Amino acid sequence: MSENILSIAGLKVAYGGIKAVKGLDLEVNRGELVTLIGANGAGKTTTLKAITGTLPPCKVEGEIRYLGQPLRGTASFRMVQRKLAMVPEGRGVFTRMTIHENLMMGAYTRTDKAGIAQDIEQWFTVFPRLKERAGQLAGTLSGGEQQMLAMARALMCHPTLLLLDEPSMGLSPIMVEKIFEVIRDVSRQGITILLVEQNAKLALQAAHRAYVMESGSLTMTGDAAGMLDDPRVRAAYLGE
């Protein structure tokens, strides 16, 4: 039986009278790449922010467990210590810090200097553009370069669970291809991933399992490859 990494039961999020998430149940098991797809405004990002406790003031109900332990109320920096990392929508890089400094921030919970240096070199190999600009301020990078940096920074803590929020948003087709190549490679390394993504086709091609979210509720769940052939998914999200 697969080990459960993330378990969400009955999650509800409401902003005043607006119900953004309506009783969501979701789970991610060790080694899986699970994707949450849906139209803009479906509640996908709200779900990730509920997991990480980074929502603005609102009413949150339900249970969120990570490695069997309750997660709600846990400070964000404690989550990183517990090896839960997130690449937020919009990248969230430290714009006034260099690329190298951003990567060091990703490793702030670690004390193995040699290992940190080795990991930085590894990500410089994966993303050569970052190595070329290692001393450059992150705020001066293109959107694609910032996305590379945000992913590499999150992976510096050797996460057990990696949350990705719209990693392809606003990127060129070539950059999107590169980002998804890295996502698939990270998954093959055994890192568990929950991916929120509007590009349903790429997400389903990369994932093991998928959930479809509409207006705050889950409407479908199942094998990702099977969903690629589902006429309802094809009509609603693949433009076919």
Protein backbone atom coordinates (compact mmCIF):
# COMPACT_ATOMS: atom_id res chain seq x y z
CA MET A 1 0.00 0.00 0.00
CA SER A 2 1.34 3.45 -0.97
CA GLU A 3 2.31 5.84 1.79
CA ASN A 4 0.03 8.85 2.00
CA ILE A 5 1.96 12.13 1.85
CA LEU A 6 -0.89 14.65 1.66
CA SER A 7 -4.51 14.12 2.66
CA ILE A 8 -7.24 16.76 2.44
CA ALA A 9 -10.73 16.04 3.75
CA GLY A 10 -13.75 18.33 3.59
CA LEU A 11 -11.77 21.48 2.77
CA LYS A 12 -13.95 24.58 2.59
CA VAL A 13 -12.70 28.12 2.03
CA ALA A 14 -15.06 31.12 2.10
CA TYR A 15 -14.42 34.83 1.68
CA GLY A 16 -17.47 36.37 3.30
CA GLY A 17 -20.40 34.93 1.36
CA ILE A 18 -18.24 33.67 -1.49
CA LYS A 19 -17.43 29.96 -1.29
CA ALA A 20 -14.13 29.45 -3.12
CA VAL A 21 -13.65 25.78 -2.17
CA LYS A 22 -16.65 23.59 -1.34
CA GLY A 23 -15.79 20.44 0.58
CA LEU A 24 -12.73 19.19 -1.31
CA ASP A 25 -11.26 15.72 -0.69
CA LEU A 26 -7.85 15.01 -2.22
CA GLU A 27 -4.84 12.82 -1.56
CA VAL A 28 -1.31 12.46 -2.88
CA ASN A 29 0.77 9.33 -2.23
CA ARG A 30 4.54 9.03 -2.08
CA GLY A 31 6.22 9.23 -5.48
CA GLU A 32 3.10 10.40 -7.31
CA LEU A 33 2.76 13.36 -9.62
CA VAL A 34 -0.84 14.44 -9.12
CA THR A 35 -2.34 17.32 -11.06
CA LEU A 36 -5.29 19.56 -10.22
CA ILE A 37 -6.73 21.08 -13.40
CA GLY A 38 -9.61 23.42 -14.05
CA ALA A 39 -10.57 26.78 -15.49
CA ASN A 40 -9.31 30.06 -14.09
CA GLY A 41 -11.18 30.85 -10.87
CA ALA A 42 -12.05 27.21 -10.12
CA GLY A 43 -10.33 27.36 -6.71
CA LYS A 44 -7.06 25.61 -7.54
CA THR A 45 -4.67 28.26 -6.20
CA THR A 46 -6.89 28.77 -3.15
CA THR A 47 -6.51 25.05 -2.42
CA LEU A 48 -2.69 25.28 -2.53
CA LYS A 49 -2.72 28.39 -0.35
CA ALA A 50 -4.93 26.59 2.14
CA ILE A 51 -2.35 23.80 2.31
CA THR A 52 0.50 26.25 2.97
CA GLY A 53 -1.49 28.57 5.25
CA THR A 54 -0.89 31.60 3.02
CA LEU A 55 -4.50 32.62 2.40
CA PRO A 56 -5.70 36.16 3.19
CA PRO A 57 -8.20 36.40 6.07
CA CYS A 58 -11.07 34.00 5.34
CA LYS A 59 -12.98 31.09 6.83
CA VAL A 60 -11.23 27.71 6.41
CA GLU A 61 -12.75 24.39 7.43
CA GLY A 62 -11.68 20.80 6.98
CA GLU A 63 -8.63 18.68 7.62
CA ILE A 64 -5.23 18.89 5.95
CA ARG A 65 -2.64 16.27 6.92
CA TYR A 66 0.97 16.00 5.74
CA LEU A 67 2.86 12.79 6.50
CA GLY A 68 0.01 11.86 8.82
CA GLN A 69 0.25 15.04 10.91
CA PRO A 70 -2.18 17.99 10.92
CA LEU A 71 -0.86 20.88 8.86
CA ARG A 72 -3.31 23.70 9.51
CA GLY A 73 -1.85 26.33 11.82
CA THR A 74 1.74 25.39 11.00
CA ALA A 75 3.99 28.39 10.27
CA SER A 76 5.29 28.51 6.69
CA PHE A 77 8.94 28.24 7.73
CA ARG A 78 8.09 25.12 9.74
CA MET A 79 6.67 23.58 6.59
CA VAL A 80 9.98 24.05 4.80
CA GLN A 81 11.73 22.44 7.77
CA ARG A 82 9.34 19.52 7.31
CA LYS A 83 10.35 19.42 3.62
CA LEU A 84 7.18 20.80 2.10
CA ALA A 85 8.02 23.40 -0.55
CA MET A 86 5.91 25.48 -2.93
CA VAL A 87 6.61 27.32 -6.17
CA PRO A 88 3.89 29.99 -6.08
CA GLU A 89 1.95 31.45 -8.97
CA GLY A 90 3.95 34.43 -10.23
CA ARG A 91 7.28 32.80 -9.15
CA GLY A 92 7.82 34.85 -5.98
CA VAL A 93 11.59 35.20 -6.37
CA PHE A 94 13.52 37.62 -4.15
CA THR A 95 13.93 40.34 -6.75
CA ARG A 96 16.65 42.32 -4.94
CA MET A 97 18.80 39.24 -4.33
CA THR A 98 21.04 37.53 -6.85
CA ILE A 99 20.31 34.15 -8.38
CA HIS A 100 22.92 32.56 -6.13
CA GLU A 101 21.45 34.25 -3.04
CA ASN A 102 17.94 33.04 -3.98
CA LEU A 103 19.23 29.47 -4.19
CA MET A 104 20.94 29.84 -0.82
CA MET A 105 17.62 31.01 0.65
CA GLY A 106 16.08 27.78 -0.61
CA ALA A 107 18.64 25.88 1.47
CA TYR A 108 18.35 27.97 4.65
CA THR A 109 17.14 24.95 6.68
CA ARG A 110 20.28 23.00 5.76
CA THR A 111 23.75 23.07 7.33
CA ASP A 112 25.67 20.81 4.91
CA LYS A 113 27.70 23.42 3.05
CA ALA A 114 29.30 20.96 0.65
CA GLY A 115 25.93 19.44 -0.21
CA ILE A 116 24.39 22.88 -0.77
CA ALA A 117 27.20 23.85 -3.13
CA GLN A 118 26.80 20.56 -4.98
CA ASP A 119 23.05 21.09 -5.37
CA ILE A 120 23.54 24.62 -6.68
CA GLU A 121 25.92 23.26 -9.33
CA GLN A 122 23.37 20.56 -10.18
CA TRP A 123 20.66 23.14 -10.86
CA PHE A 124 23.10 25.31 -12.77
CA THR A 125 23.65 22.26 -14.99
CA VAL A 126 19.89 21.80 -15.46
CA PHE A 127 19.37 25.54 -16.07
CA PRO A 128 22.57 26.86 -17.73
CA ARG A 129 21.02 30.34 -18.07
CA LEU A 130 21.01 30.66 -14.30
CA LYS A 131 24.70 29.83 -14.10
CA GLU A 132 25.50 32.48 -16.71
CA ARG A 133 23.64 35.05 -14.59
CA ALA A 134 24.50 33.77 -11.10
CA GLY A 135 25.45 37.22 -9.81
CA GLN A 136 22.53 39.01 -11.47
CA LEU A 137 19.57 40.34 -9.48
CA ALA A 138 16.59 38.01 -9.82
CA GLY A 139 14.28 40.93 -10.56
CA THR A 140 16.10 41.57 -13.84
CA LEU A 141 15.44 38.07 -15.20
CA SER A 142 12.81 37.17 -17.78
CA GLY A 143 9.64 35.38 -16.65
CA GLY A 144 10.98 32.04 -17.83
CA GLU A 145 14.30 32.53 -16.05
CA GLN A 146 12.47 33.50 -12.85
CA GLN A 147 10.39 30.32 -13.11
CA MET A 148 13.57 28.25 -13.46
CA LEU A 149 14.98 29.99 -10.39
CA ALA A 150 11.80 29.54 -8.33
CA MET A 151 11.78 25.80 -9.08
CA ALA A 152 15.46 25.35 -8.33
CA ARG A 153 15.13 27.35 -5.09
CA ALA A 154 12.21 25.16 -3.91
CA LEU A 155 14.15 21.99 -4.69
CA MET A 156 17.17 23.13 -2.66
CA CYS A 157 15.47 21.92 0.54
CA HIS A 158 15.13 18.38 -0.89
CA PRO A 159 11.34 18.45 -0.48
CA THR A 160 9.27 15.38 0.30
CA LEU A 161 6.32 17.20 -1.28
CA LEU A 162 6.61 19.90 -3.96
CA LEU A 163 3.62 22.12 -4.72
CA LEU A 164 3.65 23.81 -8.14
CA ASP A 165 1.16 26.59 -8.89
CA GLU A 166 0.73 27.38 -12.60
CA PRO A 167 4.40 26.89 -13.59
CA SER A 168 3.70 27.47 -17.31
CA MET A 169 1.75 30.71 -16.91
CA GLY A 170 2.94 33.51 -19.18
CA LEU A 171 5.88 31.57 -20.60
CA SER A 172 6.89 31.01 -24.22
CA PRO A 173 6.17 27.56 -25.72
CA ILE A 174 9.89 26.67 -25.66
CA MET A 175 10.18 27.65 -22.00
CA VAL A 176 7.01 25.73 -21.12
CA GLU A 177 8.51 22.64 -22.74
CA LYS A 178 11.69 23.05 -20.67
CA ILE A 179 9.79 23.55 -17.40
CA PHE A 180 7.69 20.43 -17.96
CA GLU A 181 10.79 18.45 -18.89
CA VAL A 182 12.22 19.37 -15.47
CA ILE A 183 8.92 18.55 -13.70
CA ARG A 184 8.91 15.07 -15.25
CA ASP A 185 12.57 14.57 -14.35
CA VAL A 186 12.00 15.66 -10.73
CA SER A 187 9.07 13.22 -10.54
CA ARG A 188 11.26 10.40 -11.86
CA GLN A 189 13.70 11.15 -9.02
CA GLY A 190 10.94 10.15 -6.61
CA ILE A 191 9.88 13.58 -5.38
CA THR A 192 6.13 13.73 -4.75
CA ILE A 193 4.42 16.57 -6.64
CA LEU A 194 1.03 18.27 -6.57
CA LEU A 195 0.74 20.34 -9.74
CA VAL A 196 -1.88 23.03 -10.34
CA GLU A 197 -1.92 23.89 -14.02
CA GLN A 198 -4.19 25.52 -16.61
CA ASN A 199 -2.44 23.74 -19.49
CA ALA A 200 -4.49 20.58 -19.01
CA LYS A 201 -2.90 18.61 -21.83
CA LEU A 202 0.67 19.01 -20.59
CA ALA A 203 -0.38 18.42 -16.99
CA LEU A 204 -2.25 15.21 -17.81
CA GLN A 205 0.60 13.96 -19.99
CA ALA A 206 3.04 14.41 -17.10
CA ALA A 207 0.86 13.23 -14.19
CA HIS A 208 0.00 9.82 -12.76
CA ARG A 209 -3.41 10.88 -11.41
CA ALA A 210 -5.61 13.92 -11.86
CA TYR A 211 -8.43 15.85 -10.24
CA VAL A 212 -10.73 18.21 -12.17
CA MET A 213 -12.03 21.23 -10.27
CA GLU A 214 -14.97 23.42 -11.27
CA SER A 215 -16.40 26.31 -9.25
CA GLY A 216 -14.77 25.15 -6.02
CA SER A 217 -15.77 21.48 -6.29
CA LEU A 218 -14.11 18.36 -7.67
CA THR A 219 -16.05 16.98 -10.63
CA MET A 220 -13.72 14.19 -11.77
CA THR A 221 -10.80 12.17 -10.48
CA GLY A 222 -8.82 9.28 -11.90
CA ASP A 223 -5.91 8.10 -13.97
CA ALA A 224 -4.34 11.02 -15.85
CA ALA A 225 -3.75 9.08 -19.07
CA GLY A 226 -7.38 7.97 -19.06
CA MET A 227 -8.57 11.55 -18.65
CA LEU A 228 -6.68 12.54 -21.81
CA ASP A 229 -9.10 10.31 -23.70
CA ASP A 230 -12.23 11.29 -21.77
CA PRO A 231 -14.58 13.20 -24.12
CA ARG A 232 -15.74 15.50 -21.29
CA VAL A 233 -12.16 16.54 -20.49
CA ARG A 234 -11.28 16.85 -24.16
CA ALA A 235 -14.25 19.12 -24.81
CA ALA A 236 -13.84 21.28 -21.70
CA TYR A 237 -10.06 21.58 -21.34
CA LEU A 238 -8.29 20.31 -24.44
CA GLY A 239 -10.24 22.28 -27.02
CA GLU A 240 -11.33 19.16 -28.89
